[in-house]
Amino acid sequence: MAKTKDEDSPALSERQIENLRKKLRERLSREEVELSWRLEALDRIFTASMVDEQIFHQFWVKPLLSTGLSLETVLALIVDCYFQPN
């Protein structure tokens, strides 16, 4: 008789489950901070470059999107490049 998935994997203890929950909460918190940081960075880029958002999208975002990247990846790349040391 074949074993089910539940029978193959041992049950986690309460301590292990709580540890996993803590790690998940920490990860979610980091991701929220990172997203907020990227939005703030984009705002700084717009302000510093004095470029209209539509023009920015046309010349920076749209070409990268056309390569198949997701919007999230495109924005992350732009922000990372902006803060690279000269």
C-alpha atoms as a PDB file:
ATOM      1  CA  MET A   1       0.000   0.000   0.000  1.00  0.00           C
ATOM      2  CA  ALA A   2       1.374   3.406  -1.007  1.00  0.00           C
ATOM      3  CA  LYS A   3       2.057   5.975   1.675  1.00  0.00           C
ATOM      4  CA  THR A   4       0.380   9.340   1.483  1.00  0.00           C
ATOM      5  CA  LYS A   5       2.340  12.570   1.643  1.00  0.00           C
ATOM      6  CA  ASP A   6       1.229  13.141   5.242  1.00  0.00           C
ATOM      7  CA  GLU A   7       2.579   9.778   6.318  1.00  0.00           C
ATOM      8  CA  ASP A   8       5.986  10.446   4.737  1.00  0.00           C
ATOM      9  CA  SER A   9       6.640  13.825   6.339  1.00  0.00           C
ATOM     10  CA  PRO A  10       7.023  14.093  10.090  1.00  0.00           C
ATOM     11  CA  ALA A  11       4.752  16.504  11.952  1.00  0.00           C
ATOM     12  CA  LEU A  12       6.334  19.776  13.000  1.00  0.00           C
ATOM     13  CA  SER A  13       6.520  20.667  16.651  1.00  0.00           C
ATOM     14  CA  GLU A  14       4.854  23.791  18.013  1.00  0.00           C
ATOM     15  CA  ARG A  15       8.286  25.361  18.392  1.00  0.00           C
ATOM     16  CA  GLN A  16       9.178  24.656  14.753  1.00  0.00           C
ATOM     17  CA  ILE A  17       5.864  26.045  13.547  1.00  0.00           C
ATOM     18  CA  GLU A  18       6.312  29.209  15.619  1.00  0.00           C
ATOM     19  CA  ASN A  19       9.853  29.599  14.282  1.00  0.00           C
ATOM     20  CA  LEU A  20       8.565  29.284  10.702  1.00  0.00           C
ATOM     21  CA  ARG A  21       5.839  31.854  11.410  1.00  0.00           C
ATOM     22  CA  LYS A  22       8.412  34.262  12.838  1.00  0.00           C
ATOM     23  CA  LYS A  23      10.646  33.889   9.773  1.00  0.00           C
ATOM     24  CA  LEU A  24       7.663  34.450   7.467  1.00  0.00           C
ATOM     25  CA  ARG A  25       6.632  37.619   9.330  1.00  0.00           C
ATOM     26  CA  GLU A  26      10.216  38.931   9.153  1.00  0.00           C
ATOM     27  CA  ARG A  27      10.403  38.227   5.419  1.00  0.00           C
ATOM     28  CA  LEU A  28       7.080  39.957   4.745  1.00  0.00           C
ATOM     29  CA  SER A  29       8.208  42.954   6.757  1.00  0.00           C
ATOM     30  CA  ARG A  30      11.488  43.181   4.803  1.00  0.00           C
ATOM     31  CA  GLU A  31       9.636  42.958   1.488  1.00  0.00           C
ATOM     32  CA  GLU A  32       7.251  45.753   2.519  1.00  0.00           C
ATOM     33  CA  VAL A  33      10.171  47.972   3.507  1.00  0.00           C
ATOM     34  CA  GLU A  34      11.982  47.162   0.270  1.00  0.00           C
ATOM     35  CA  LEU A  35       8.920  48.055  -1.820  1.00  0.00           C
ATOM     36  CA  SER A  36       8.491  51.315   0.074  1.00  0.00           C
ATOM     37  CA  TRP A  37      12.178  52.092  -0.418  1.00  0.00           C
ATOM     38  CA  ARG A  38      11.928  51.470  -4.171  1.00  0.00           C
ATOM     39  CA  LEU A  39       8.900  53.740  -4.514  1.00  0.00           C
ATOM     40  CA  GLU A  40      10.719  56.474  -2.630  1.00  0.00           C
ATOM     41  CA  ALA A  41      13.779  55.963  -4.842  1.00  0.00           C
ATOM     42  CA  LEU A  42      11.657  56.283  -7.985  1.00  0.00           C
ATOM     43  CA  ASP A  43      10.211  59.510  -6.656  1.00  0.00           C
ATOM     44  CA  ARG A  44      13.744  60.799  -6.088  1.00  0.00           C
ATOM     45  CA  ILE A  45      14.732  59.806  -9.617  1.00  0.00           C
ATOM     46  CA  PHE A  46      11.772  61.731 -11.052  1.00  0.00           C
ATOM     47  CA  THR A  47      12.562  64.771  -8.925  1.00  0.00           C
ATOM     48  CA  ALA A  48      16.309  64.787  -9.596  1.00  0.00           C
ATOM     49  CA  SER A  49      16.055  64.172 -13.321  1.00  0.00           C
ATOM     50  CA  MET A  50      13.175  66.613 -13.796  1.00  0.00           C
ATOM     51  CA  VAL A  51      11.665  64.207 -16.340  1.00  0.00           C
ATOM     52  CA  ASP A  52       7.935  63.745 -16.771  1.00  0.00           C
ATOM     53  CA  GLU A  53       6.689  60.319 -15.650  1.00  0.00           C
ATOM     54  CA  GLN A  54       5.348  59.504 -19.121  1.00  0.00           C
ATOM     55  CA  ILE A  55       8.672  60.297 -20.772  1.00  0.00           C
ATOM     56  CA  PHE A  56      10.471  58.284 -18.102  1.00  0.00           C
ATOM     57  CA  HIS A  57       8.168  55.360 -18.809  1.00  0.00           C
ATOM     58  CA  GLN A  58       8.665  55.677 -22.572  1.00  0.00           C
ATOM     59  CA  PHE A  59      12.468  55.806 -22.502  1.00  0.00           C
ATOM     60  CA  TRP A  60      13.367  53.767 -19.416  1.00  0.00           C
ATOM     61  CA  VAL A  61      10.576  51.380 -18.500  1.00  0.00           C
ATOM     62  CA  LYS A  62       9.019  50.457 -21.843  1.00  0.00           C
ATOM     63  CA  PRO A  63      12.252  49.233 -23.502  1.00  0.00           C
ATOM     64  CA  LEU A  64      12.998  46.972 -20.547  1.00  0.00           C
ATOM     65  CA  LEU A  65       9.427  45.652 -20.476  1.00  0.00           C
ATOM     66  CA  SER A  66       9.746  44.797 -24.177  1.00  0.00           C
ATOM     67  CA  THR A  67      12.568  42.398 -23.317  1.00  0.00           C
ATOM     68  CA  GLY A  68      10.131  40.323 -21.295  1.00  0.00           C
ATOM     69  CA  LEU A  69      10.969  41.561 -17.806  1.00  0.00           C
ATOM     70  CA  SER A  70       8.203  42.146 -15.285  1.00  0.00           C
ATOM     71  CA  LEU A  71       7.401  45.681 -14.150  1.00  0.00           C
ATOM     72  CA  GLU A  72       8.670  44.842 -10.672  1.00  0.00           C
ATOM     73  CA  THR A  73      12.005  43.653 -12.075  1.00  0.00           C
ATOM     74  CA  VAL A  74      12.313  46.677 -14.354  1.00  0.00           C
ATOM     75  CA  LEU A  75      11.743  49.111 -11.499  1.00  0.00           C
ATOM     76  CA  ALA A  76      14.203  47.228  -9.289  1.00  0.00           C
ATOM     77  CA  LEU A  77      16.870  47.407 -12.003  1.00  0.00           C
ATOM     78  CA  ILE A  78      16.331  51.122 -12.561  1.00  0.00           C
ATOM     79  CA  VAL A  79      16.518  51.870  -8.848  1.00  0.00           C
ATOM     80  CA  ASP A  80      19.616  49.695  -8.414  1.00  0.00           C
ATOM     81  CA  CYS A  81      21.359  51.410 -11.341  1.00  0.00           C
ATOM     82  CA  TYR A  82      20.484  54.849 -10.042  1.00  0.00           C
ATOM     83  CA  PHE A  83      22.185  54.169  -6.714  1.00  0.00           C
ATOM     84  CA  GLN A  84      25.312  52.555  -8.166  1.00  0.00           C
ATOM     85  CA  PRO A  85      28.501  54.420  -7.263  1.00  0.00           C
ATOM     86  CA  ASN A  86      30.042  56.375 -10.139  1.00  0.00           C
END
